Amino acid sequence: MDNFGLSRLSELTLRVETDRHGPFVFQIGLDPAQLVLPMQRVEDAHQIFADSPLAHVANRLEREVIASSIFGTNTIEGGTLTEDETAAAMDMPAETVRGIEELRVVNLRAAYDEAQKASAAPGWRLSVEFVCRIHSLITQGIPHPDNKPGLLRDTPKHRVTVVGDEAHGGRYKPPQFGSDVRRLLHALMDWHTQLQDAGIHPLIRAPLVHYYYELIHPFWDGNGRVGRVIEATLLLSEGYRYAPFAMARYYLENIDAYFSQFNACRKAASKHLPHPNTGFVLLHQEGMRQTILSLQKRTNRIISLLLFETHVRDLLDKKEINARQYTILAQLRAGPIPINQMRVEPWYTSLYLKLGEKTKTRDLRGLRALQLAYLDLDNQIFPGFIKPPNIKPL
């Protein structure tokens, strides 16, 4: 049974004659036989994730995803902030932003907000206006000798725009002149509408639009970030939650394959090989699968932590644990720590300034007896909601 209509995929090829770049062909270019199992795995993972109690963790999960995604998409393009610095910067008011790196983060957050708003609107369709709006938000205030936010590229005759590098399959000369860039970007929007009206699955449409958008390379700067936001918006509009933005982190972690597939698919098409776009779409679908599974795991952990915190507070109120033990558990919420390291932490030593080793031992034994903390064979102490595979006996 073909649940995705893959056996009915038509090529829906659109050939565009440009003024100077030559013919440009938009094609589905996929092998249905290779897509059935990967798409089913993504849909199965997505269904399980959608059925999980996301309402209890939505705000926390969304913030984590946005921070991780902005870090990922920004780092791909040369951003230098750490993930923690990115999370701190993304809520900065515009008037307090001082550095370019912080501005890149704030701009991306604004673009993500626009993408979420657009994708939630009934009947939303991808358009050139939306693409230019996202580009404007992403590049606003970022210095560049040529780029103007929201305005399409027009390479002067005495210059050549080239993208890519030899390490990832070679360099590519996209359409150079403004009339060709504009015509092809409008054609991409029209072609996507054809795919959408023909019922082509979003797990196929989104990566194909991402791929062809990058080949057009319509702006001087910000194309990678814009392309990933476009892909995410198309998936968000079809009901995929969190994973579309989180894909930016997957692309960062698989950056060699990500860049190489653009060139591999482009070269396969130039040689008129069958199904030239399969590699990029398969990379995207594997990314969606892994991303959704990771989000499911994170959701389960957040819920476990919330339940654990409620349980611990109840035990403190009933005086079944003391304030020192409660403090230890509060510090362990972030995850396991070597017990020898914990014992020299200032917060821990301050708990026992006037108490002896027997009290320290009794407190830890009490936590372990109540299964509020575990010690593994490597002498790492774990919070009770994370059970290590090799528990050290009491």
Protein backbone atom coordinates (compact mmCIF):
# COMPACT_ATOMS: atom_id res chain seq x y z
CA MET A 1 0.00 0.00 0.00
CA ASP A 2 1.40 3.40 -0.99
CA ASN A 3 0.36 5.66 1.90
CA PHE A 4 2.30 8.65 0.56
CA GLY A 5 1.23 8.47 -3.08
CA LEU A 6 4.85 7.94 -4.07
CA SER A 7 3.96 5.53 -6.85
CA ARG A 8 1.93 8.34 -8.43
CA LEU A 9 4.70 10.93 -8.35
CA SER A 10 4.74 12.79 -11.59
CA GLU A 11 7.81 14.71 -12.56
CA LEU A 12 5.96 18.05 -12.62
CA THR A 13 9.03 19.45 -14.33
CA LEU A 14 9.26 23.17 -14.94
CA ARG A 15 11.85 24.38 -17.44
CA VAL A 16 12.60 28.09 -17.31
CA GLU A 17 14.47 29.93 -20.02
CA THR A 18 16.54 32.74 -18.57
CA ASP A 19 18.11 35.73 -20.30
CA ARG A 20 21.74 34.92 -19.50
CA HIS A 21 22.00 31.84 -17.28
CA GLY A 22 20.56 29.42 -19.79
CA PRO A 23 17.77 26.90 -19.10
CA PHE A 24 17.01 26.13 -15.45
CA VAL A 25 15.01 23.00 -14.68
CA PHE A 26 12.91 22.38 -11.57
CA GLN A 27 12.15 18.67 -11.21
CA ILE A 28 11.07 16.29 -8.48
CA GLY A 29 13.83 13.90 -9.51
CA LEU A 30 13.21 11.25 -6.84
CA ASP A 31 13.22 7.47 -6.73
CA PRO A 32 9.96 6.46 -4.97
CA ALA A 33 11.35 3.04 -4.01
CA GLN A 34 14.04 4.67 -1.88
CA LEU A 35 11.62 6.98 -0.08
CA VAL A 36 8.87 4.68 1.19
CA LEU A 37 10.65 3.35 4.28
CA PRO A 38 12.36 6.63 5.33
CA MET A 39 9.09 8.55 5.06
CA GLN A 40 7.22 5.90 7.03
CA ARG A 41 9.85 6.10 9.78
CA VAL A 42 9.49 9.87 9.96
CA GLU A 43 5.70 9.67 10.10
CA ASP A 44 5.77 6.96 12.78
CA ALA A 45 8.15 9.01 14.92
CA HIS A 46 6.08 12.15 14.35
CA GLN A 47 2.85 10.42 15.38
CA ILE A 48 4.37 9.15 18.62
CA PHE A 49 5.79 12.59 19.34
CA ALA A 50 2.50 14.32 18.55
CA ASP A 51 0.68 11.98 20.95
CA SER A 52 3.04 12.75 23.85
CA PRO A 53 1.96 15.25 26.57
CA LEU A 54 3.56 18.23 24.86
CA ALA A 55 1.26 20.77 26.51
CA HIS A 56 3.08 20.23 29.81
CA VAL A 57 6.46 21.10 28.36
CA ALA A 58 5.59 23.29 25.36
CA ASN A 59 7.08 26.59 26.56
CA ARG A 60 10.29 25.04 27.82
CA LEU A 61 10.74 22.77 24.81
CA GLU A 62 10.05 25.56 22.33
CA ARG A 63 12.63 27.85 23.91
CA GLU A 64 15.26 25.09 23.89
CA VAL A 65 14.52 24.26 20.25
CA ILE A 66 14.66 27.89 19.13
CA ALA A 67 17.96 28.50 20.93
CA SER A 68 19.52 25.32 19.56
CA SER A 69 18.22 26.02 16.06
CA ILE A 70 19.48 29.62 15.98
CA PHE A 71 22.85 28.40 17.25
CA GLY A 72 22.92 25.72 14.54
CA THR A 73 21.87 27.83 11.56
CA ASN A 74 24.07 30.74 12.67
CA THR A 75 27.14 28.56 13.24
CA ILE A 76 26.80 27.02 9.77
CA GLU A 77 27.20 30.55 8.39
CA GLY A 78 30.19 31.43 10.57
CA GLY A 79 28.54 32.64 13.79
CA THR A 80 30.87 32.51 16.79
CA LEU A 81 28.54 32.57 19.81
CA THR A 82 28.23 29.45 21.96
CA GLU A 83 24.83 27.86 22.47
CA ASP A 84 24.52 29.42 25.95
CA GLU A 85 25.49 32.83 24.58
CA THR A 86 22.94 32.38 21.79
CA ALA A 87 20.19 31.57 24.29
CA ALA A 88 21.07 34.66 26.33
CA ALA A 89 21.15 36.92 23.26
CA MET A 90 17.96 35.86 21.52
CA ASP A 91 15.66 37.78 23.87
CA MET A 92 17.70 40.98 23.88
CA PRO A 93 15.66 44.12 23.14
CA ALA A 94 16.88 45.68 19.90
CA GLU A 95 18.02 48.84 21.67
CA THR A 96 20.38 46.90 23.95
CA VAL A 97 22.15 44.95 21.19
CA ARG A 98 25.74 46.13 20.80
CA GLY A 99 27.59 43.50 18.77
CA ILE A 100 27.05 42.03 15.32
CA GLU A 101 26.97 38.46 16.67
CA GLU A 102 24.15 39.33 19.06
CA LEU A 103 22.31 41.13 16.26
CA ARG A 104 22.49 38.03 14.06
CA VAL A 105 20.77 36.07 16.84
CA VAL A 106 18.09 38.71 17.47
CA ASN A 107 17.41 38.90 13.72
CA LEU A 108 17.03 35.14 13.44
CA ARG A 109 14.62 35.10 16.36
CA ALA A 110 12.52 37.73 14.56
CA ALA A 111 12.57 35.64 11.37
CA TYR A 112 11.50 32.54 13.32
CA ASP A 113 8.62 34.49 14.87
CA GLU A 114 7.54 35.60 11.39
CA ALA A 115 7.75 32.03 10.11
CA GLN A 116 5.58 30.74 12.96
CA LYS A 117 3.04 33.49 12.41
CA ALA A 118 2.88 32.89 8.67
CA SER A 119 2.65 29.11 8.92
CA ALA A 120 -0.26 29.35 11.36
CA ALA A 121 -2.32 31.55 9.03
CA PRO A 122 -5.11 29.64 7.25
CA GLY A 123 -4.38 29.17 3.57
CA TRP A 124 -0.82 30.49 3.78
CA ARG A 125 1.23 29.93 0.63
CA LEU A 126 4.92 30.39 0.02
CA SER A 127 5.62 33.59 -1.94
CA VAL A 128 8.46 35.82 -3.07
CA GLU A 129 7.17 38.47 -0.69
CA PHE A 130 7.52 36.08 2.25
CA VAL A 131 11.05 35.09 1.18
CA CYS A 132 12.12 38.73 0.92
CA ARG A 133 10.53 39.48 4.29
CA ILE A 134 12.48 36.68 5.96
CA HIS A 135 15.70 37.83 4.29
CA SER A 136 15.09 41.39 5.44
CA LEU A 137 14.58 40.28 9.04
CA ILE A 138 17.67 38.05 9.01
CA THR A 139 20.09 40.57 7.51
CA GLN A 140 18.74 43.85 8.91
CA GLY A 141 21.63 45.90 10.29
CA ILE A 142 24.29 43.34 9.35
CA PRO A 143 27.10 45.10 7.45
CA HIS A 144 27.84 43.77 3.98
CA PRO A 145 29.36 45.59 0.98
CA ASP A 146 26.57 44.51 -1.40
CA ASN A 147 23.65 43.04 0.50
CA LYS A 148 20.50 45.09 1.06
CA PRO A 149 17.84 43.44 3.25
CA GLY A 150 14.98 42.07 1.17
CA LEU A 151 16.45 43.05 -2.21
CA LEU A 152 17.41 40.40 -4.75
CA ARG A 153 20.98 40.01 -5.99
CA ASP A 154 22.09 41.48 -9.31
CA THR A 155 25.76 40.67 -9.93
CA PRO A 156 27.46 43.37 -12.03
CA LYS A 157 28.93 42.28 -15.37
CA HIS A 158 32.50 42.81 -14.17
CA ARG A 159 32.04 40.41 -11.23
CA VAL A 160 31.17 36.74 -10.75
CA THR A 161 29.23 35.24 -7.84
CA VAL A 162 30.41 31.73 -6.95
CA VAL A 163 29.24 29.55 -4.05
CA GLY A 164 30.45 26.28 -2.52
CA ASP A 165 33.97 24.90 -2.11
CA GLU A 166 36.11 22.05 -3.42
CA ALA A 167 35.92 20.15 -0.12
CA HIS A 168 32.17 19.64 -0.54
CA GLY A 169 31.86 18.75 -4.19
CA GLY A 170 33.04 21.84 -5.99
CA ARG A 171 32.11 25.43 -6.65
CA TYR A 172 28.96 26.51 -8.46
CA LYS A 173 28.07 29.65 -10.37
CA PRO A 174 24.42 30.48 -9.69
CA PRO A 175 22.40 32.83 -11.90
CA GLN A 176 24.30 36.10 -11.98
CA PHE A 177 21.97 38.81 -13.15
CA GLY A 178 18.95 40.32 -11.49
CA SER A 179 16.43 39.52 -14.23
CA ASP A 180 17.33 35.81 -14.10
CA VAL A 181 17.36 35.69 -10.30
CA ARG A 182 13.97 37.34 -10.09
CA ARG A 183 12.45 35.13 -12.81
CA LEU A 184 13.74 31.92 -11.20
CA LEU A 185 12.63 32.82 -7.68
CA HIS A 186 9.11 33.54 -8.96
CA ALA A 187 9.24 30.28 -10.93
CA LEU A 188 10.23 28.37 -7.78
CA MET A 189 7.19 29.76 -5.97
CA ASP A 190 4.94 28.77 -8.90
CA TRP A 191 6.49 25.30 -9.06
CA HIS A 192 5.96 24.76 -5.34
CA THR A 193 2.32 25.73 -5.75
CA GLN A 194 2.02 23.09 -8.48
CA LEU A 195 3.55 20.49 -6.15
CA GLN A 196 1.23 21.53 -3.34
CA ASP A 197 -1.87 21.42 -5.54
CA ALA A 198 -0.81 18.00 -6.86
CA GLY A 199 -0.71 16.66 -3.30
CA ILE A 200 3.06 16.13 -3.13
CA HIS A 201 3.94 15.31 0.48
CA PRO A 202 5.55 18.11 2.56
CA LEU A 203 8.48 15.82 3.41
CA ILE A 204 9.26 15.99 -0.32
CA ARG A 205 8.23 19.56 -1.09
CA ALA A 206 10.12 21.24 1.76
CA PRO A 207 13.61 19.86 1.01
CA LEU A 208 13.14 20.30 -2.75
CA VAL A 209 12.28 23.99 -2.30
CA HIS A 210 15.23 24.35 0.06
CA TYR A 211 17.53 22.74 -2.52
CA TYR A 212 16.41 24.81 -5.50
CA TYR A 213 16.32 28.02 -3.48
CA GLU A 214 20.00 27.54 -2.64
CA LEU A 215 20.82 26.88 -6.30
CA ILE A 216 19.19 30.18 -7.26
CA HIS A 217 21.08 31.90 -4.41
CA PRO A 218 18.90 35.00 -4.76
CA PHE A 219 20.58 37.32 -2.24
CA TRP A 220 24.12 38.47 -1.66
CA ASP A 221 24.12 37.30 1.97
CA GLY A 222 21.95 35.16 4.23
CA ASN A 223 20.84 32.57 1.67
CA GLY A 224 21.59 29.56 3.86
CA ARG A 225 19.71 30.95 6.84
CA VAL A 226 16.76 31.99 4.65
CA GLY A 227 16.65 28.59 2.92
CA ARG A 228 16.48 26.74 6.22
CA VAL A 229 13.71 29.05 7.48
CA ILE A 230 11.74 28.47 4.26
CA GLU A 231 12.06 24.71 4.69
CA ALA A 232 10.99 24.94 8.33
CA THR A 233 7.99 27.16 7.53
CA LEU A 234 6.68 24.74 4.91
CA LEU A 235 6.85 21.90 7.44
CA LEU A 236 5.34 23.98 10.26
CA SER A 237 2.40 24.85 8.01
CA GLU A 238 1.72 21.12 7.59
CA GLY A 239 1.55 20.40 11.32
CA TYR A 240 5.09 19.31 12.17
CA ARG A 241 5.98 20.81 15.54
CA TYR A 242 9.41 21.81 16.86
CA ALA A 243 11.34 19.50 14.50
CA PRO A 244 11.32 21.89 11.50
CA PHE A 245 13.37 24.49 13.39
CA ALA A 246 15.42 21.84 15.19
CA MET A 247 16.59 20.55 11.79
CA ALA A 248 19.12 23.40 11.68
CA ARG A 249 21.06 21.64 14.44
CA TYR A 250 21.03 18.39 12.47
CA TYR A 251 22.40 20.18 9.41
CA LEU A 252 25.19 21.66 11.55
CA GLU A 253 26.09 18.27 13.00
CA ASN A 254 26.08 16.76 9.49
CA ILE A 255 27.48 19.80 7.71
CA ASP A 256 29.75 17.89 5.32
CA ALA A 257 26.89 15.72 4.04
CA TYR A 258 24.59 18.76 3.92
CA PHE A 259 26.89 20.81 1.70
CA SER A 260 28.03 17.82 -0.35
CA GLN A 261 24.49 16.79 -1.25
CA PHE A 262 23.78 20.16 -2.85
CA ASN A 263 26.65 19.58 -5.26
CA ALA A 264 26.06 15.85 -5.72
CA CYS A 265 22.43 16.42 -6.73
CA ARG A 266 23.34 19.37 -8.95
CA LYS A 267 26.00 17.34 -10.78
CA ALA A 268 23.69 14.35 -11.15
CA ALA A 269 21.09 16.59 -12.78
CA SER A 270 23.66 18.13 -15.13
CA LYS A 271 24.59 14.61 -16.28
CA HIS A 272 20.88 13.76 -16.77
CA LEU A 273 21.14 10.87 -14.29
CA PRO A 274 17.86 9.37 -13.08
CA HIS A 275 16.43 10.63 -9.78
CA PRO A 276 19.13 13.27 -9.17
CA ASN A 277 17.50 14.86 -6.10
CA THR A 278 17.06 11.67 -4.07
CA GLY A 279 20.20 12.14 -1.97
CA PHE A 280 19.24 15.54 -0.57
CA VAL A 281 15.67 14.50 0.20
CA LEU A 282 16.87 11.32 1.93
CA LEU A 283 19.31 13.40 4.02
CA HIS A 284 16.43 15.66 5.03
CA GLN A 285 14.16 12.76 5.95
CA GLU A 286 16.81 11.06 8.04
CA GLY A 287 17.37 14.40 9.74
CA MET A 288 13.67 14.71 10.50
CA ARG A 289 13.59 11.18 11.92
CA GLN A 290 16.60 11.72 14.17
CA THR A 291 15.41 15.17 15.21
CA ILE A 292 11.94 13.97 16.17
CA LEU A 293 13.36 11.05 18.16
CA SER A 294 15.70 13.44 19.96
CA LEU A 295 12.80 15.76 20.76
CA GLN A 296 10.77 12.83 22.06
CA LYS A 297 13.63 11.85 24.33
CA ARG A 298 14.00 15.42 25.56
CA THR A 299 10.26 15.71 26.18
CA ASN A 300 10.26 12.53 28.26
CA ARG A 301 13.21 13.81 30.27
CA ILE A 302 11.57 17.18 30.97
CA ILE A 303 8.37 15.47 32.09
CA SER A 304 10.35 13.09 34.30
CA LEU A 305 12.16 16.06 35.82
CA LEU A 306 8.90 17.89 36.53
CA LEU A 307 7.43 14.82 38.22
CA PHE A 308 10.66 14.32 40.16
CA GLU A 309 10.70 17.92 41.37
CA THR A 310 7.09 17.63 42.56
CA HIS A 311 7.86 14.40 44.38
CA VAL A 312 10.98 15.83 46.05
CA ARG A 313 9.12 18.92 47.22
CA ASP A 314 6.41 16.72 48.70
CA LEU A 315 9.02 14.66 50.60
CA LEU A 316 10.56 17.86 51.98
CA ASP A 317 7.16 19.12 53.12
CA LYS A 318 6.56 15.79 54.87
CA LYS A 319 10.05 15.99 56.41
CA GLU A 320 11.06 12.68 54.86
CA ILE A 321 14.15 14.44 53.52
CA ASN A 322 16.00 17.39 55.04
CA ALA A 323 16.92 20.76 53.56
CA ARG A 324 20.48 19.61 52.81
CA GLN A 325 19.22 16.63 50.81
CA TYR A 326 16.75 18.86 49.00
CA THR A 327 19.58 21.20 48.01
CA ILE A 328 21.67 18.29 46.72
CA LEU A 329 18.78 17.10 44.54
CA ALA A 330 18.16 20.62 43.26
CA GLN A 331 21.80 20.81 42.12
CA LEU A 332 21.55 17.42 40.43
CA ARG A 333 18.63 18.44 38.20
CA ALA A 334 21.01 19.31 35.36
CA GLY A 335 22.32 15.74 35.29
CA PRO A 336 24.96 13.46 36.81
CA ILE A 337 28.19 14.70 38.36
CA PRO A 338 31.26 12.81 39.72
CA ILE A 339 30.74 12.52 43.44
CA ASN A 340 34.28 13.67 44.19
CA GLN A 341 33.64 16.82 42.18
CA MET A 342 30.36 17.44 43.99
CA ARG A 343 32.08 17.18 47.36
CA VAL A 344 34.36 20.12 46.59
CA GLU A 345 31.70 22.37 45.09
CA PRO A 346 31.17 25.53 47.22
CA TRP A 347 27.43 24.95 47.50
CA TYR A 348 28.05 21.44 48.86
CA THR A 349 30.82 22.31 51.33
CA SER A 350 28.70 25.16 52.70
CA LEU A 351 25.97 22.65 53.64
CA TYR A 352 28.33 20.80 55.97
CA LEU A 353 30.53 23.53 57.43
CA LYS A 354 29.74 22.49 60.99
CA LEU A 355 28.87 18.85 60.28
CA GLY A 356 31.02 15.76 59.97
CA GLU A 357 31.55 12.99 57.46
CA LYS A 358 28.97 10.77 59.11
CA THR A 359 26.24 13.31 58.35
CA LYS A 360 27.38 13.58 54.74
CA THR A 361 27.32 9.81 54.37
CA ARG A 362 23.93 9.50 56.09
CA ASP A 363 22.38 12.14 53.83
CA LEU A 364 23.61 10.45 50.65
CA ARG A 365 22.61 6.99 51.85
CA GLY A 366 19.16 8.32 52.62
CA LEU A 367 18.77 9.71 49.11
CA ARG A 368 19.93 6.46 47.59
CA ALA A 369 17.61 4.41 49.80
CA LEU A 370 14.65 6.50 48.63
CA GLN A 371 15.84 6.16 45.00
CA LEU A 372 16.17 9.91 44.77
CA ALA A 373 19.81 9.60 43.74
CA TYR A 374 21.95 6.84 42.29
CA LEU A 375 25.68 6.20 42.29
CA ASP A 376 27.12 4.29 39.35
CA LEU A 377 30.27 2.18 39.15
CA ASP A 378 32.22 5.22 37.92
CA ASN A 379 31.26 7.10 41.10
CA GLN A 380 28.98 9.51 39.31
CA ILE A 381 25.91 10.59 41.23
CA PHE A 382 22.66 10.73 39.23
CA PRO A 383 19.32 12.37 40.06
CA GLY A 384 16.51 9.90 40.65
CA PHE A 385 14.78 10.55 37.33
CA ILE A 386 17.87 9.30 35.46
CA LYS A 387 18.70 5.71 36.31
CA PRO A 388 22.26 4.72 35.28
CA PRO A 389 22.85 1.30 33.72
CA ASN A 390 25.33 0.18 36.41
CA ILE A 391 24.18 1.16 39.89
CA LYS A 392 26.71 0.90 42.71
CA PRO A 393 25.21 -0.98 45.65
CA LEU A 394 24.62 0.78 48.95
